[in-house]
Amino acid sequence: MTHVVGAARTPRDRWVEEGLRVLAADGVDAVRVEALAKRLGVTKGGFYGYFADRGALLEAMLDTWERESTDEVLDRIEREGGDPKQKAHRAGMLTFSSDRLLPIDLAVRNWARRDPAVADRLRRVDNRRMDLLREMIGTFCDDPDEVEARSTLAFCVAIGEHFLVADHQGRTRADVLNRAAALLLNR
């Protein structure tokens, strides 16, 4: 007796991962079921075994981004330990200088400009990130107003430096960013 083995379905996570790659590279409007199926080398029929529609895929993509950029980052900084200044710096490095999270984060920020639900999600993520900064900076700074100002500046530097194209008068960007971190984290 011969057994016929059906073709393996493309796992749900592959659809989400490919969607995140397209989002990071080309924006949310480029995340289309047919285009993703082509990139994955499959038919789009398998997509509907996991997702009701494109909106469900986009929601799953946001879930993955949120989990990776908050829960997983927080878990890792706790696991790796260090003093509060090291933890704050590591969280920024994991989120805003990685080849994976940074492009997705920037794409989500652009998407949030046009979609209120995504803006709400981004606000939740940013609030968790700010809470971490407040907690870490609060360990060496007693003034709540200064804690908030330093946290805001640190977050603005982490995001804004990816858009800044100015020269730094004979200094490298890395040197300037290191000095900014030292000022903000009182190092």
Protein backbone atom coordinates (compact mmCIF):
# COMPACT_ATOMS: atom_id res chain seq x y z
CA MET A 1 0.00 0.00 0.00
CA THR A 2 1.35 3.39 -0.97
CA HIS A 3 0.92 6.42 1.26
CA VAL A 4 0.55 9.77 -0.40
CA VAL A 5 2.09 12.52 1.62
CA GLY A 6 0.54 15.93 1.13
CA ALA A 7 2.67 18.97 0.64
CA ALA A 8 3.76 20.53 3.88
CA ARG A 9 1.96 23.76 4.60
CA THR A 10 3.97 26.93 4.91
CA PRO A 11 4.11 27.54 8.66
CA ARG A 12 2.23 30.52 10.06
CA ASP A 13 5.45 32.04 11.38
CA ARG A 14 6.93 32.14 7.87
CA TRP A 15 4.03 34.28 6.69
CA VAL A 16 4.52 36.62 9.64
CA GLU A 17 8.30 36.78 9.17
CA GLU A 18 8.01 37.49 5.48
CA GLY A 19 5.40 40.13 6.21
CA LEU A 20 7.76 41.79 8.69
CA ARG A 21 10.59 41.73 6.13
CA VAL A 22 8.39 43.41 3.53
CA LEU A 23 7.08 45.91 6.09
CA ALA A 24 10.63 46.87 7.08
CA ALA A 25 11.83 47.17 3.49
CA ASP A 26 8.84 48.66 1.69
CA GLY A 27 6.17 49.70 4.19
CA VAL A 28 2.76 48.37 5.13
CA ASP A 29 1.19 48.98 1.71
CA ALA A 30 3.58 46.43 0.20
CA VAL A 31 2.42 43.69 2.60
CA ARG A 32 0.04 41.85 0.26
CA VAL A 33 -1.00 38.20 0.46
CA GLU A 34 -0.29 37.41 -3.19
CA ALA A 35 3.12 39.10 -3.09
CA LEU A 36 4.06 37.28 0.12
CA ALA A 37 3.01 33.95 -1.37
CA LYS A 38 5.20 34.63 -4.40
CA ARG A 39 8.16 35.53 -2.17
CA LEU A 40 7.62 32.35 -0.17
CA GLY A 41 7.27 30.28 -3.34
CA VAL A 42 3.82 29.00 -2.40
CA THR A 43 0.22 29.57 -3.38
CA LYS A 44 -1.84 32.02 -1.36
CA GLY A 45 -4.37 29.31 -0.47
CA GLY A 46 -2.31 28.21 2.54
CA PHE A 47 -2.43 31.70 3.93
CA TYR A 48 -6.15 31.40 4.66
CA GLY A 49 -5.56 28.34 6.83
CA TYR A 50 -3.89 30.67 9.33
CA PHE A 51 -5.38 34.11 8.72
CA ALA A 52 -8.90 35.27 7.96
CA ASP A 53 -7.56 38.14 5.88
CA ARG A 54 -4.70 40.58 5.42
CA GLY A 55 -5.77 42.48 8.55
CA ALA A 56 -5.28 39.36 10.66
CA LEU A 57 -1.76 38.98 9.25
CA LEU A 58 -0.96 42.61 10.01
CA GLU A 59 -2.20 42.12 13.58
CA ALA A 60 -0.01 39.01 13.97
CA MET A 61 2.95 40.99 12.64
CA LEU A 62 2.35 43.73 15.21
CA ASP A 63 2.02 41.10 17.94
CA THR A 64 5.39 39.64 16.96
CA TRP A 65 7.07 43.06 16.80
CA GLU A 66 5.62 44.08 20.17
CA ARG A 67 6.67 40.83 21.87
CA GLU A 68 10.19 40.93 20.44
CA SER A 69 10.77 44.63 21.07
CA THR A 70 9.44 44.69 24.63
CA ASP A 71 9.04 41.34 26.38
CA GLU A 72 12.05 39.67 24.79
CA VAL A 73 14.27 42.74 25.20
CA LEU A 74 13.26 43.13 28.85
CA ASP A 75 13.80 39.41 29.49
CA ARG A 76 17.24 39.55 27.93
CA ILE A 77 18.45 42.60 29.85
CA GLU A 78 17.30 41.03 33.11
CA ARG A 79 18.93 37.71 32.24
CA GLU A 80 22.23 39.37 31.29
CA GLY A 81 22.20 41.58 34.38
CA GLY A 82 24.36 44.60 35.05
CA ASP A 83 23.77 47.92 36.70
CA PRO A 84 20.82 50.13 35.69
CA LYS A 85 22.93 52.22 33.30
CA GLN A 86 24.16 49.10 31.51
CA LYS A 87 20.61 47.75 31.30
CA ALA A 88 19.26 51.00 29.82
CA HIS A 89 22.09 51.11 27.29
CA ARG A 90 21.64 47.43 26.38
CA ALA A 91 17.88 47.87 25.88
CA GLY A 92 18.55 50.72 23.47
CA MET A 93 21.19 48.74 21.62
CA LEU A 94 18.95 45.69 21.29
CA THR A 95 16.03 47.73 20.02
CA PHE A 96 17.48 50.57 17.99
CA SER A 97 20.67 49.21 16.49
CA SER A 98 19.71 45.69 15.50
CA ASP A 99 19.32 44.58 11.92
CA ARG A 100 15.98 43.04 12.82
CA LEU A 101 14.10 45.26 15.26
CA LEU A 102 15.22 48.71 14.11
CA PRO A 103 13.88 48.54 10.53
CA ILE A 104 10.60 47.09 11.75
CA ASP A 105 10.32 49.73 14.48
CA LEU A 106 10.89 52.55 12.01
CA ALA A 107 8.34 51.06 9.60
CA VAL A 108 5.77 50.71 12.40
CA ARG A 109 6.37 54.37 13.34
CA ASN A 110 5.66 55.41 9.75
CA TRP A 111 2.58 53.18 9.62
CA ALA A 112 1.32 54.64 12.93
CA ARG A 113 1.24 58.10 11.36
CA ARG A 114 -1.69 56.94 9.20
CA ASP A 115 -3.40 54.30 11.34
CA PRO A 116 -4.81 55.18 14.79
CA ALA A 117 -4.89 51.54 15.95
CA VAL A 118 -1.20 51.13 15.11
CA ALA A 119 -0.50 54.46 16.83
CA ASP A 120 -2.18 53.08 19.97
CA ARG A 121 -0.02 49.96 19.77
CA LEU A 122 3.12 52.04 19.27
CA ARG A 123 2.17 54.22 22.25
CA ARG A 124 1.87 51.10 24.42
CA VAL A 125 5.29 49.87 23.29
CA ASP A 126 6.91 53.27 23.72
CA ASN A 127 5.35 53.63 27.18
CA ARG A 128 6.90 50.33 28.25
CA ARG A 129 10.26 51.49 26.91
CA MET A 130 9.93 54.82 28.69
CA ASP A 131 8.98 53.03 31.92
CA LEU A 132 12.25 51.12 31.74
CA LEU A 133 14.23 54.31 31.13
CA ARG A 134 12.48 56.07 34.02
CA GLU A 135 13.21 53.15 36.31
CA MET A 136 16.88 52.92 35.31
CA ILE A 137 17.54 56.68 35.35
CA GLY A 138 15.62 56.97 38.61
CA THR A 139 18.27 54.85 40.32
CA PHE A 140 20.81 57.67 40.07
CA CYS A 141 18.60 60.74 39.68
CA ASP A 142 16.19 61.85 42.40
CA ASP A 143 14.38 64.69 40.62
CA PRO A 144 11.26 63.31 38.83
CA ASP A 145 11.32 66.16 36.31
CA GLU A 146 14.93 65.43 35.45
CA VAL A 147 14.22 61.69 35.23
CA GLU A 148 11.45 62.42 32.72
CA ALA A 149 13.62 64.85 30.75
CA ARG A 150 16.59 62.47 30.59
CA SER A 151 14.33 59.55 29.63
CA THR A 152 12.68 61.58 26.88
CA LEU A 153 16.00 62.82 25.54
CA ALA A 154 17.49 59.32 25.59
CA PHE A 155 14.51 57.95 23.68
CA CYS A 156 14.58 60.82 21.18
CA VAL A 157 18.28 60.27 20.55
CA ALA A 158 17.74 56.53 20.06
CA ILE A 159 15.06 57.09 17.43
CA GLY A 160 16.09 60.42 15.94
CA GLU A 161 19.70 59.55 15.25
CA HIS A 162 18.48 57.27 12.47
CA PHE A 163 17.02 60.28 10.68
CA LEU A 164 19.77 62.78 11.37
CA VAL A 165 22.17 63.36 8.48
CA ALA A 166 24.22 66.22 9.96
CA ASP A 167 27.99 66.12 10.25
CA HIS A 168 29.56 66.39 13.69
CA GLN A 169 32.45 68.81 13.12
CA GLY A 170 35.27 66.27 12.94
CA ARG A 171 33.70 63.80 15.38
CA THR A 172 32.29 60.44 14.42
CA ARG A 173 28.59 59.73 14.90
CA ALA A 174 29.54 56.93 17.28
CA ASP A 175 31.64 59.29 19.40
CA VAL A 176 28.82 61.83 19.61
CA LEU A 177 26.24 59.16 20.50
CA ASN A 178 28.51 57.69 23.15
CA ARG A 179 28.98 61.15 24.67
CA ALA A 180 25.22 61.78 24.58
CA ALA A 181 24.59 58.45 26.34
CA ALA A 182 27.23 59.30 28.94
CA LEU A 183 25.56 62.66 29.63
CA LEU A 184 22.05 61.20 29.81
CA LEU A 185 23.04 58.20 31.91
CA ASN A 186 25.42 60.15 34.14
CA ARG A 187 28.40 57.96 33.24
